[in-house]
Amino acid sequence: LNVNFKETKLQGRADLTLNPRSQETTQLVLDSRDLSITS
C-alpha cells in the first residue's frame, strides 16, 4: 500500500491466501465498506 496524504487514501493491493473448505466452493465472500476495487 501507498499512503497518500494528499488524497487521504490508502492505495495498492491486498494478496489473500486461500484455504477452501470444500471442493464445491465457487465463491470467495469478503467484507467491504466504501472500497474502490480496480481488479
PDB file of all heavy atoms in Angstrom:
ATOM      1  N   LEU A   1       0.816  -1.203   0.000  1.00  0.00           N
ATOM      2  CA  LEU A   1       0.000   0.000   0.000  1.00  0.00           C
ATOM      3  C   LEU A   1       0.857   1.264   0.000  1.00  0.00           C
ATOM      4  O   LEU A   1       1.918   1.320   0.635  1.00  0.00           O
ATOM      5  CB  LEU A   1      -0.914   0.026   1.230  1.00  0.00           C
ATOM      6  CG  LEU A   1      -1.946  -1.103   1.354  1.00  0.00           C
ATOM      7  CD1 LEU A   1      -2.642  -1.026   2.701  1.00  0.00           C
ATOM      8  CD2 LEU A   1      -2.953  -1.058   0.213  1.00  0.00           C
ATOM      9  N   ASN A   2       0.340   2.255  -0.681  1.00  0.00           N
ATOM     10  CA  ASN A   2       0.909   3.593  -0.659  1.00  0.00           C
ATOM     11  C   ASN A   2       0.017   4.478   0.211  1.00  0.00           C
ATOM     12  O   ASN A   2      -1.212   4.482   0.070  1.00  0.00           O
ATOM     13  CB  ASN A   2       0.989   4.170  -2.071  1.00  0.00           C
ATOM     14  CG  ASN A   2       1.468   5.609  -2.071  1.00  0.00           C
ATOM     15  OD1 ASN A   2       2.568   5.907  -1.627  1.00  0.00           O
ATOM     16  ND2 ASN A   2       0.628   6.518  -2.569  1.00  0.00           N
ATOM     17  N   VAL A   3       0.634   5.220   1.117  1.00  0.00           N
ATOM     18  CA  VAL A   3      -0.108   6.133   1.986  1.00  0.00           C
ATOM     19  C   VAL A   3      -0.134   7.499   1.304  1.00  0.00           C
ATOM     20  O   VAL A   3       0.882   8.192   1.241  1.00  0.00           O
ATOM     21  CB  VAL A   3       0.537   6.219   3.376  1.00  0.00           C
ATOM     22  CG1 VAL A   3      -0.236   7.194   4.264  1.00  0.00           C
ATOM     23  CG2 VAL A   3       0.581   4.835   4.033  1.00  0.00           C
ATOM     24  N   ASN A   4      -1.304   7.868   0.805  1.00  0.00           N
ATOM     25  CA  ASN A   4      -1.456   9.100   0.032  1.00  0.00           C
ATOM     26  C   ASN A   4      -2.094  10.168   0.921  1.00  0.00           C
ATOM     27  O   ASN A   4      -3.321  10.222   1.077  1.00  0.00           O
ATOM     28  CB  ASN A   4      -2.318   8.841  -1.207  1.00  0.00           C
ATOM     29  CG  ASN A   4      -2.362  10.025  -2.151  1.00  0.00           C
ATOM     30  OD1 ASN A   4      -2.259  11.176  -1.730  1.00  0.00           O
ATOM     31  ND2 ASN A   4      -2.546   9.750  -3.437  1.00  0.00           N
ATOM     32  N   PHE A   5      -1.261  11.005   1.512  1.00  0.00           N
ATOM     33  CA  PHE A   5      -1.783  12.035   2.410  1.00  0.00           C
ATOM     34  C   PHE A   5      -2.549  13.111   1.649  1.00  0.00           C
ATOM     35  O   PHE A   5      -3.482  13.704   2.189  1.00  0.00           O
ATOM     36  CB  PHE A   5      -0.646  12.671   3.213  1.00  0.00           C
ATOM     37  CG  PHE A   5      -0.227  11.865   4.412  1.00  0.00           C
ATOM     38  CD1 PHE A   5       0.899  11.054   4.361  1.00  0.00           C
ATOM     39  CD2 PHE A   5      -0.958  11.896   5.586  1.00  0.00           C
ATOM     40  CE1 PHE A   5       1.291  10.305   5.458  1.00  0.00           C
ATOM     41  CE2 PHE A   5      -0.584  11.157   6.687  1.00  0.00           C
ATOM     42  CZ  PHE A   5       0.546  10.350   6.624  1.00  0.00           C
ATOM     43  N   LYS A   6      -2.161  13.361   0.408  1.00  0.00           N
ATOM     44  CA  LYS A   6      -2.836  14.405  -0.362  1.00  0.00           C
ATOM     45  C   LYS A   6      -4.289  14.054  -0.597  1.00  0.00           C
ATOM     46  O   LYS A   6      -5.191  14.898  -0.447  1.00  0.00           O
ATOM     47  CB  LYS A   6      -2.120  14.620  -1.697  1.00  0.00           C
ATOM     48  CG  LYS A   6      -2.706  15.748  -2.532  1.00  0.00           C
ATOM     49  CD  LYS A   6      -1.911  15.952  -3.812  1.00  0.00           C
ATOM     50  CE  LYS A   6      -2.502  17.086  -4.643  1.00  0.00           C
ATOM     51  NZ  LYS A   6      -1.746  17.309  -5.906  1.00  0.00           N
ATOM     52  N   GLU A   7      -4.555  12.787  -0.943  1.00  0.00           N
ATOM     53  CA  GLU A   7      -5.922  12.346  -1.208  1.00  0.00           C
ATOM     54  C   GLU A   7      -6.559  11.682   0.009  1.00  0.00           C
ATOM     55  O   GLU A   7      -7.727  11.292  -0.045  1.00  0.00           O
ATOM     56  CB  GLU A   7      -5.946  11.383  -2.397  1.00  0.00           C
ATOM     57  CG  GLU A   7      -5.496  12.018  -3.711  1.00  0.00           C
ATOM     58  CD  GLU A   7      -5.650  11.069  -4.889  1.00  0.00           C
ATOM     59  OE1 GLU A   7      -6.502  10.153  -4.811  1.00  0.00           O
ATOM     60  OE2 GLU A   7      -4.913  11.241  -5.884  1.00  0.00           O
ATOM     61  N   THR A   8      -5.817  11.544   1.090  1.00  0.00           N
ATOM     62  CA  THR A   8      -6.243  10.827   2.306  1.00  0.00           C
ATOM     63  C   THR A   8      -6.812   9.454   1.961  1.00  0.00           C
ATOM     64  O   THR A   8      -7.939   9.109   2.333  1.00  0.00           O
ATOM     65  CB  THR A   8      -7.239  11.647   3.161  1.00  0.00           C
ATOM     66  OG1 THR A   8      -8.414  11.944   2.390  1.00  0.00           O
ATOM     67  CG2 THR A   8      -6.612  12.927   3.652  1.00  0.00           C
ATOM     68  N   LYS A   9      -5.987   8.668   1.278  1.00  0.00           N
ATOM     69  CA  LYS A   9      -6.377   7.321   0.877  1.00  0.00           C
ATOM     70  C   LYS A   9      -5.183   6.380   1.003  1.00  0.00           C
ATOM     71  O   LYS A   9      -4.028   6.792   0.857  1.00  0.00           O
ATOM     72  CB  LYS A   9      -6.853   7.298  -0.576  1.00  0.00           C
ATOM     73  CG  LYS A   9      -8.137   8.060  -0.863  1.00  0.00           C
ATOM     74  CD  LYS A   9      -8.496   7.973  -2.344  1.00  0.00           C
ATOM     75  CE  LYS A   9      -9.802   8.704  -2.645  1.00  0.00           C
ATOM     76  NZ  LYS A   9     -10.139   8.618  -4.088  1.00  0.00           N
ATOM     77  N   LEU A  10      -5.488   5.115   1.251  1.00  0.00           N
ATOM     78  CA  LEU A  10      -4.530   4.029   1.062  1.00  0.00           C
ATOM     79  C   LEU A  10      -4.794   3.445  -0.319  1.00  0.00           C
ATOM     80  O   LEU A  10      -5.952   3.153  -0.661  1.00  0.00           O
ATOM     81  CB  LEU A  10      -4.692   2.951   2.129  1.00  0.00           C
ATOM     82  CG  LEU A  10      -4.464   3.365   3.582  1.00  0.00           C
ATOM     83  CD1 LEU A  10      -4.681   2.175   4.504  1.00  0.00           C
ATOM     84  CD2 LEU A  10      -3.072   3.939   3.789  1.00  0.00           C
ATOM     85  N   GLN A  11      -3.740   3.234  -1.088  1.00  0.00           N
ATOM     86  CA  GLN A  11      -3.893   2.759  -2.467  1.00  0.00           C
ATOM     87  C   GLN A  11      -2.912   1.627  -2.719  1.00  0.00           C
ATOM     88  O   GLN A  11      -1.730   1.734  -2.346  1.00  0.00           O
ATOM     89  CB  GLN A  11      -3.617   3.907  -3.453  1.00  0.00           C
ATOM     90  CG  GLN A  11      -4.572   5.086  -3.292  1.00  0.00           C
ATOM     91  CD  GLN A  11      -4.111   6.334  -3.993  1.00  0.00           C
ATOM     92  OE1 GLN A  11      -2.922   6.645  -3.989  1.00  0.00           O
ATOM     93  NE2 GLN A  11      -5.036   7.071  -4.607  1.00  0.00           N
ATOM     94  N   GLY A  12      -3.374   0.552  -3.328  1.00  0.00           N
ATOM     95  CA  GLY A  12      -2.463  -0.538  -3.629  1.00  0.00           C
ATOM     96  C   GLY A  12      -3.156  -1.863  -3.783  1.00  0.00           C
ATOM     97  O   GLY A  12      -4.199  -1.971  -4.439  1.00  0.00           O
ATOM     98  N   ARG A  13      -2.617  -2.872  -3.097  1.00  0.00           N
ATOM     99  CA  ARG A  13      -3.040  -4.246  -3.370  1.00  0.00           C
ATOM    100  C   ARG A  13      -3.079  -5.061  -2.085  1.00  0.00           C
ATOM    101  O   ARG A  13      -2.240  -4.888  -1.189  1.00  0.00           O
ATOM    102  CB  ARG A  13      -2.028  -4.881  -4.339  1.00  0.00           C
ATOM    103  CG  ARG A  13      -2.440  -6.214  -4.928  1.00  0.00           C
ATOM    104  CD  ARG A  13      -1.355  -6.794  -5.818  1.00  0.00           C
ATOM    105  NE  ARG A  13      -0.276  -7.393  -5.026  1.00  0.00           N
ATOM    106  CZ  ARG A  13       0.952  -6.907  -4.932  1.00  0.00           C
ATOM    107  NH1 ARG A  13       1.281  -5.781  -5.564  1.00  0.00           N
ATOM    108  NH2 ARG A  13       1.864  -7.521  -4.196  1.00  0.00           N
ATOM    109  N   ALA A  14      -4.050  -5.944  -2.011  1.00  0.00           N
ATOM    110  CA  ALA A  14      -4.122  -6.949  -0.947  1.00  0.00           C
ATOM    111  C   ALA A  14      -4.060  -8.327  -1.579  1.00  0.00           C
ATOM    112  O   ALA A  14      -4.877  -8.644  -2.456  1.00  0.00           O
ATOM    113  CB  ALA A  14      -5.407  -6.791  -0.139  1.00  0.00           C
ATOM    114  N   ASP A  15      -3.083  -9.130  -1.180  1.00  0.00           N
ATOM    115  CA  ASP A  15      -2.945 -10.503  -1.671  1.00  0.00           C
ATOM    116  C   ASP A  15      -3.470 -11.444  -0.598  1.00  0.00           C
ATOM    117  O   ASP A  15      -2.927 -11.485   0.513  1.00  0.00           O
ATOM    118  CB  ASP A  15      -1.484 -10.833  -1.973  1.00  0.00           C
ATOM    119  CG  ASP A  15      -0.895  -9.947  -3.059  1.00  0.00           C
ATOM    120  OD1 ASP A  15      -1.665  -9.487  -3.916  1.00  0.00           O
ATOM    121  OD2 ASP A  15       0.344  -9.729  -3.048  1.00  0.00           O
ATOM    122  N   LEU A  16      -4.522 -12.188  -0.929  1.00  0.00           N
ATOM    123  CA  LEU A  16      -5.189 -13.059   0.036  1.00  0.00           C
ATOM    124  C   LEU A  16      -4.870 -14.519  -0.267  1.00  0.00           C
ATOM    125  O   LEU A  16      -5.121 -15.003  -1.379  1.00  0.00           O
ATOM    126  CB  LEU A  16      -6.712 -12.843  -0.024  1.00  0.00           C
ATOM    127  CG  LEU A  16      -7.300 -11.649   0.734  1.00  0.00           C
ATOM    128  CD1 LEU A  16      -6.664 -10.330   0.333  1.00  0.00           C
ATOM    129  CD2 LEU A  16      -8.798 -11.596   0.561  1.00  0.00           C
ATOM    130  N   THR A  17      -4.290 -15.202   0.709  1.00  0.00           N
ATOM    131  CA  THR A  17      -4.006 -16.627   0.587  1.00  0.00           C
ATOM    132  C   THR A  17      -5.218 -17.415   1.066  1.00  0.00           C
ATOM    133  O   THR A  17      -5.738 -17.161   2.157  1.00  0.00           O
ATOM    134  CB  THR A  17      -2.768 -17.012   1.409  1.00  0.00           C
ATOM    135  OG1 THR A  17      -1.649 -16.219   0.975  1.00  0.00           O
ATOM    136  CG2 THR A  17      -2.437 -18.477   1.238  1.00  0.00           C
ATOM    137  N   LEU A  18      -5.670 -18.382   0.229  1.00  0.00           N
ATOM    138  CA  LEU A  18      -6.947 -19.053   0.480  1.00  0.00           C
ATOM    139  C   LEU A  18      -6.762 -20.486   0.957  1.00  0.00           C
ATOM    140  O   LEU A  18      -5.782 -21.163   0.627  1.00  0.00           O
ATOM    141  CB  LEU A  18      -7.791 -19.061  -0.805  1.00  0.00           C
ATOM    142  CG  LEU A  18      -8.015 -17.719  -1.495  1.00  0.00           C
ATOM    143  CD1 LEU A  18      -8.956 -17.898  -2.688  1.00  0.00           C
ATOM    144  CD2 LEU A  18      -8.552 -16.684  -0.521  1.00  0.00           C
ATOM    145  N   ASN A  19      -7.747 -20.929   1.716  1.00  0.00           N
ATOM    146  CA  ASN A  19      -7.859 -22.337   2.106  1.00  0.00           C
ATOM    147  C   ASN A  19      -9.300 -22.759   1.912  1.00  0.00           C
ATOM    148  O   ASN A  19     -10.143 -22.549   2.786  1.00  0.00           O
ATOM    149  CB  ASN A  19      -7.440 -22.536   3.567  1.00  0.00           C
ATOM    150  CG  ASN A  19      -7.572 -23.987   4.011  1.00  0.00           C
ATOM    151  OD1 ASN A  19      -7.696 -24.895   3.184  1.00  0.00           O
ATOM    152  ND2 ASN A  19      -7.563 -24.204   5.315  1.00  0.00           N
ATOM    153  N   PRO A  20      -9.633 -23.348   0.734  1.00  0.00           N
ATOM    154  CA  PRO A  20     -11.022 -23.769   0.506  1.00  0.00           C
ATOM    155  C   PRO A  20     -11.383 -24.931   1.416  1.00  0.00           C
ATOM    156  O   PRO A  20     -10.596 -25.853   1.617  1.00  0.00           O
ATOM    157  CB  PRO A  20     -11.008 -24.190  -0.963  1.00  0.00           C
ATOM    158  CG  PRO A  20      -9.589 -24.514  -1.269  1.00  0.00           C
ATOM    159  CD  PRO A  20      -8.751 -23.630  -0.405  1.00  0.00           C
ATOM    160  N   ARG A  21     -12.573 -24.855   2.002  1.00  0.00           N
ATOM    161  CA  ARG A  21     -13.024 -25.910   2.918  1.00  0.00           C
ATOM    162  C   ARG A  21     -13.845 -26.973   2.200  1.00  0.00           C
ATOM    163  O   ARG A  21     -14.229 -27.969   2.799  1.00  0.00           O
ATOM    164  CB  ARG A  21     -13.860 -25.278   4.033  1.00  0.00           C
ATOM    165  CG  ARG A  21     -13.116 -24.197   4.812  1.00  0.00           C
ATOM    166  CD  ARG A  21     -11.946 -24.760   5.574  1.00  0.00           C
ATOM    167  NE  ARG A  21     -11.119 -23.740   6.211  1.00  0.00           N
ATOM    168  CZ  ARG A  21     -11.326 -23.212   7.403  1.00  0.00           C
ATOM    169  NH1 ARG A  21     -12.388 -23.554   8.097  1.00  0.00           N
ATOM    170  NH2 ARG A  21     -10.486 -22.326   7.896  1.00  0.00           N
ATOM    171  N   SER A  22     -14.141 -26.711   0.904  1.00  0.00           N
ATOM    172  CA  SER A  22     -14.930 -27.669   0.118  1.00  0.00           C
ATOM    173  C   SER A  22     -14.543 -27.538  -1.346  1.00  0.00           C
ATOM    174  O   SER A  22     -14.345 -26.430  -1.849  1.00  0.00           O
ATOM    175  CB  SER A  22     -16.429 -27.395   0.295  1.00  0.00           C
ATOM    176  OG  SER A  22     -17.183 -28.114  -0.669  1.00  0.00           O
ATOM    177  N   GLN A  23     -14.433 -28.649  -2.032  1.00  0.00           N
ATOM    178  CA  GLN A  23     -14.105 -28.628  -3.460  1.00  0.00           C
ATOM    179  C   GLN A  23     -15.235 -28.030  -4.292  1.00  0.00           C
ATOM    180  O   GLN A  23     -15.025 -27.609  -5.429  1.00  0.00           O
ATOM    181  CB  GLN A  23     -13.786 -30.042  -3.954  1.00  0.00           C
ATOM    182  CG  GLN A  23     -12.463 -30.584  -3.445  1.00  0.00           C
ATOM    183  CD  GLN A  23     -11.282 -29.710  -3.823  1.00  0.00           C
ATOM    184  OE1 GLN A  23     -11.148 -29.296  -4.977  1.00  0.00           O
ATOM    185  NE2 GLN A  23     -10.422 -29.411  -2.851  1.00  0.00           N
ATOM    186  N   GLU A  24     -16.441 -27.981  -3.727  1.00  0.00           N
ATOM    187  CA  GLU A  24     -17.574 -27.412  -4.452  1.00  0.00           C
ATOM    188  C   GLU A  24     -17.624 -25.888  -4.341  1.00  0.00           C
ATOM    189  O   GLU A  24     -18.469 -25.235  -4.936  1.00  0.00           O
ATOM    190  CB  GLU A  24     -18.900 -27.982  -3.926  1.00  0.00           C
ATOM    191  CG  GLU A  24     -19.160 -29.438  -4.317  1.00  0.00           C
ATOM    192  CD  GLU A  24     -18.270 -30.421  -3.590  1.00  0.00           C
ATOM    193  OE1 GLU A  24     -18.103 -30.274  -2.351  1.00  0.00           O
ATOM    194  OE2 GLU A  24     -17.704 -31.313  -4.256  1.00  0.00           O
ATOM    195  N   THR A  25     -16.703 -25.311  -3.577  1.00  0.00           N
ATOM    196  CA  THR A  25     -16.703 -23.877  -3.373  1.00  0.00           C
ATOM    197  C   THR A  25     -16.409 -23.142  -4.678  1.00  0.00           C
ATOM    198  O   THR A  25     -15.442 -23.444  -5.371  1.00  0.00           O
ATOM    199  CB  THR A  25     -15.653 -23.490  -2.317  1.00  0.00           C
ATOM    200  OG1 THR A  25     -15.993 -24.114  -1.091  1.00  0.00           O
ATOM    201  CG2 THR A  25     -15.620 -21.986  -2.125  1.00  0.00           C
ATOM    202  N   THR A  26     -17.250 -22.181  -5.014  1.00  0.00           N
ATOM    203  CA  THR A  26     -17.068 -21.413  -6.260  1.00  0.00           C
ATOM    204  C   THR A  26     -16.903 -19.926  -6.006  1.00  0.00           C
ATOM    205  O   THR A  26     -16.595 -19.179  -6.933  1.00  0.00           O
ATOM    206  CB  THR A  26     -18.276 -21.612  -7.192  1.00  0.00           C
ATOM    207  OG1 THR A  26     -19.474 -21.142  -6.527  1.00  0.00           O
ATOM    208  CG2 THR A  26     -18.445 -23.078  -7.570  1.00  0.00           C
ATOM    209  N   GLN A  27     -17.103 -19.477  -4.749  1.00  0.00           N
ATOM    210  CA  GLN A  27     -17.061 -18.047  -4.464  1.00  0.00           C
ATOM    211  C   GLN A  27     -16.271 -17.768  -3.186  1.00  0.00           C
ATOM    212  O   GLN A  27     -16.269 -18.568  -2.248  1.00  0.00           O
ATOM    213  CB  GLN A  27     -18.480 -17.490  -4.280  1.00  0.00           C
ATOM    214  CG  GLN A  27     -19.360 -17.563  -5.511  1.00  0.00           C
ATOM    215  CD  GLN A  27     -20.750 -17.024  -5.238  1.00  0.00           C
ATOM    216  OE1 GLN A  27     -21.242 -17.077  -4.101  1.00  0.00           O
ATOM    217  NE2 GLN A  27     -21.408 -16.491  -6.265  1.00  0.00           N
ATOM    218  N   LEU A  28     -15.607 -16.634  -3.196  1.00  0.00           N
ATOM    219  CA  LEU A  28     -14.987 -16.091  -2.000  1.00  0.00           C
ATOM    220  C   LEU A  28     -15.785 -14.850  -1.611  1.00  0.00           C
ATOM    221  O   LEU A  28     -15.920 -13.924  -2.407  1.00  0.00           O
ATOM    222  CB  LEU A  28     -13.531 -15.710  -2.277  1.00  0.00           C
ATOM    223  CG  LEU A  28     -12.811 -14.924  -1.165  1.00  0.00           C
ATOM    224  CD1 LEU A  28     -12.667 -15.774   0.094  1.00  0.00           C
ATOM    225  CD2 LEU A  28     -11.437 -14.446  -1.654  1.00  0.00           C
ATOM    226  N   VAL A  29     -16.337 -14.854  -0.404  1.00  0.00           N
ATOM    227  CA  VAL A  29     -17.142 -13.729   0.060  1.00  0.00           C
ATOM    228  C   VAL A  29     -16.364 -12.972   1.140  1.00  0.00           C
ATOM    229  O   VAL A  29     -15.951 -13.552   2.152  1.00  0.00           O
ATOM    230  CB  VAL A  29     -18.507 -14.185   0.619  1.00  0.00           C
ATOM    231  CG1 VAL A  29     -19.342 -12.971   1.015  1.00  0.00           C
ATOM    232  CG2 VAL A  29     -19.238 -15.033  -0.406  1.00  0.00           C
ATOM    233  N   LEU A  30     -16.169 -11.677   0.887  1.00  0.00           N
ATOM    234  CA  LEU A  30     -15.420 -10.818   1.797  1.00  0.00           C
ATOM    235  C   LEU A  30     -16.296  -9.671   2.275  1.00  0.00           C
ATOM    236  O   LEU A  30     -17.370  -9.419   1.727  1.00  0.00           O
ATOM    237  CB  LEU A  30     -14.190 -10.242   1.086  1.00  0.00           C
ATOM    238  CG  LEU A  30     -13.214 -11.228   0.458  1.00  0.00           C
ATOM    239  CD1 LEU A  30     -12.149 -10.480  -0.337  1.00  0.00           C
ATOM    240  CD2 LEU A  30     -12.565 -12.114   1.518  1.00  0.00           C
ATOM    241  N   ASP A  31     -15.804  -8.974   3.282  1.00  0.00           N
ATOM    242  CA  ASP A  31     -16.442  -7.744   3.745  1.00  0.00           C
ATOM    243  C   ASP A  31     -15.752  -6.546   3.110  1.00  0.00           C
ATOM    244  O   ASP A  31     -14.523  -6.537   2.913  1.00  0.00           O
ATOM    245  CB  ASP A  31     -16.333  -7.629   5.271  1.00  0.00           C
ATOM    246  CG  ASP A  31     -17.178  -8.664   5.985  1.00  0.00           C
ATOM    247  OD1 ASP A  31     -18.408  -8.622   5.816  1.00  0.00           O
ATOM    248  OD2 ASP A  31     -16.607  -9.515   6.699  1.00  0.00           O
ATOM    249  N   SER A  32     -16.543  -5.527   2.807  1.00  0.00           N
ATOM    250  CA  SER A  32     -16.027  -4.318   2.172  1.00  0.00           C
ATOM    251  C   SER A  32     -16.884  -3.147   2.625  1.00  0.00           C
ATOM    252  O   SER A  32     -18.092  -3.292   2.800  1.00  0.00           O
ATOM    253  CB  SER A  32     -16.077  -4.463   0.651  1.00  0.00           C
ATOM    254  OG  SER A  32     -15.794  -3.246   0.000  1.00  0.00           O
ATOM    255  N   ARG A  33     -16.246  -2.000   2.801  1.00  0.00           N
ATOM    256  CA  ARG A  33     -17.015  -0.795   3.106  1.00  0.00           C
ATOM    257  C   ARG A  33     -16.366   0.409   2.428  1.00  0.00           C
ATOM    258  O   ARG A  33     -15.250   0.810   2.793  1.00  0.00           O
ATOM    259  CB  ARG A  33     -17.093  -0.562   4.615  1.00  0.00           C
ATOM    260  CG  ARG A  33     -17.938   0.669   4.966  1.00  0.00           C
ATOM    261  CD  ARG A  33     -18.100   0.843   6.451  1.00  0.00           C
ATOM    262  NE  ARG A  33     -18.842   2.059   6.742  1.00  0.00           N
ATOM    263  CZ  ARG A  33     -19.049   2.547   7.949  1.00  0.00           C
ATOM    264  NH1 ARG A  33     -18.594   1.903   8.998  1.00  0.00           N
ATOM    265  NH2 ARG A  33     -19.725   3.658   8.119  1.00  0.00           N
ATOM    266  N   ASP A  34     -17.047   0.936   1.432  1.00  0.00           N
ATOM    267  CA  ASP A  34     -16.593   2.132   0.717  1.00  0.00           C
ATOM    268  C   ASP A  34     -15.229   1.943   0.063  1.00  0.00           C
ATOM    269  O   ASP A  34     -14.472   2.908  -0.106  1.00  0.00           O
ATOM    270  CB  ASP A  34     -16.551   3.345   1.657  1.00  0.00           C
ATOM    271  CG  ASP A  34     -17.913   3.677   2.244  1.00  0.00           C
ATOM    272  OD1 ASP A  34     -18.909   3.461   1.542  1.00  0.00           O
ATOM    273  OD2 ASP A  34     -17.974   4.134   3.397  1.00  0.00           O
ATOM    274  N   LEU A  35     -14.887   0.707  -0.332  1.00  0.00           N
ATOM    275  CA  LEU A  35     -13.643   0.449  -1.048  1.00  0.00           C
ATOM    276  C   LEU A  35     -13.893   0.548  -2.552  1.00  0.00           C
ATOM    277  O   LEU A  35     -14.930   0.110  -3.042  1.00  0.00           O
ATOM    278  CB  LEU A  35     -13.093  -0.938  -0.721  1.00  0.00           C
ATOM    279  CG  LEU A  35     -12.718  -1.222   0.738  1.00  0.00           C
ATOM    280  CD1 LEU A  35     -12.266  -2.665   0.892  1.00  0.00           C
ATOM    281  CD2 LEU A  35     -11.637  -0.265   1.229  1.00  0.00           C
ATOM    282  N   SER A  36     -12.924   1.098  -3.269  1.00  0.00           N
ATOM    283  CA  SER A  36     -12.991   1.124  -4.735  1.00  0.00           C
ATOM    284  C   SER A  36     -12.103   0.009  -5.274  1.00  0.00           C
ATOM    285  O   SER A  36     -10.874   0.062  -5.113  1.00  0.00           O
ATOM    286  CB  SER A  36     -12.512   2.484  -5.266  1.00  0.00           C
ATOM    287  OG  SER A  36     -13.379   3.519  -4.853  1.00  0.00           O
ATOM    288  N   ILE A  37     -12.720  -0.994  -5.864  1.00  0.00           N
ATOM    289  CA  ILE A  37     -11.993  -2.155  -6.376  1.00  0.00           C
ATOM    290  C   ILE A  37     -11.647  -1.916  -7.839  1.00  0.00           C
ATOM    291  O   ILE A  37     -12.525  -1.596  -8.648  1.00  0.00           O
ATOM    292  CB  ILE A  37     -12.823  -3.446  -6.236  1.00  0.00           C
ATOM    293  CG1 ILE A  37     -13.372  -3.591  -4.804  1.00  0.00           C
ATOM    294  CG2 ILE A  37     -12.001  -4.661  -6.640  1.00  0.00           C
ATOM    295  CD1 ILE A  37     -12.330  -3.717  -3.735  1.00  0.00           C
ATOM    296  N   THR A  38     -10.373  -2.092  -8.186  1.00  0.00           N
ATOM    297  CA  THR A  38      -9.932  -1.901  -9.571  1.00  0.00           C
ATOM    298  C   THR A  38      -9.895  -3.210 -10.333  1.00  0.00           C
ATOM    299  O   THR A  38     -10.346  -3.301 -11.488  1.00  0.00           O
ATOM    300  CB  THR A  38      -8.539  -1.257  -9.603  1.00  0.00           C
ATOM    301  OG1 THR A  38      -8.571  -0.032  -8.878  1.00  0.00           O
ATOM    302  CG2 THR A  38      -8.102  -0.984 -11.038  1.00  0.00           C
ATOM    303  N   SER A  39      -9.352  -4.259  -9.706  1.00  0.00           N
ATOM    304  CA  SER A  39      -9.264  -5.554 -10.373  1.00  0.00           C
ATOM    305  C   SER A  39      -9.064  -6.654  -9.347  1.00  0.00           C
ATOM    306  O   SER A  39      -8.592  -6.399  -8.227  1.00  0.00           O
ATOM    307  CB  SER A  39      -8.108  -5.582 -11.382  1.00  0.00           C
ATOM    308  OG  SER A  39      -6.854  -5.542 -10.714  1.00  0.00           O
TER     309      SER A  39
END
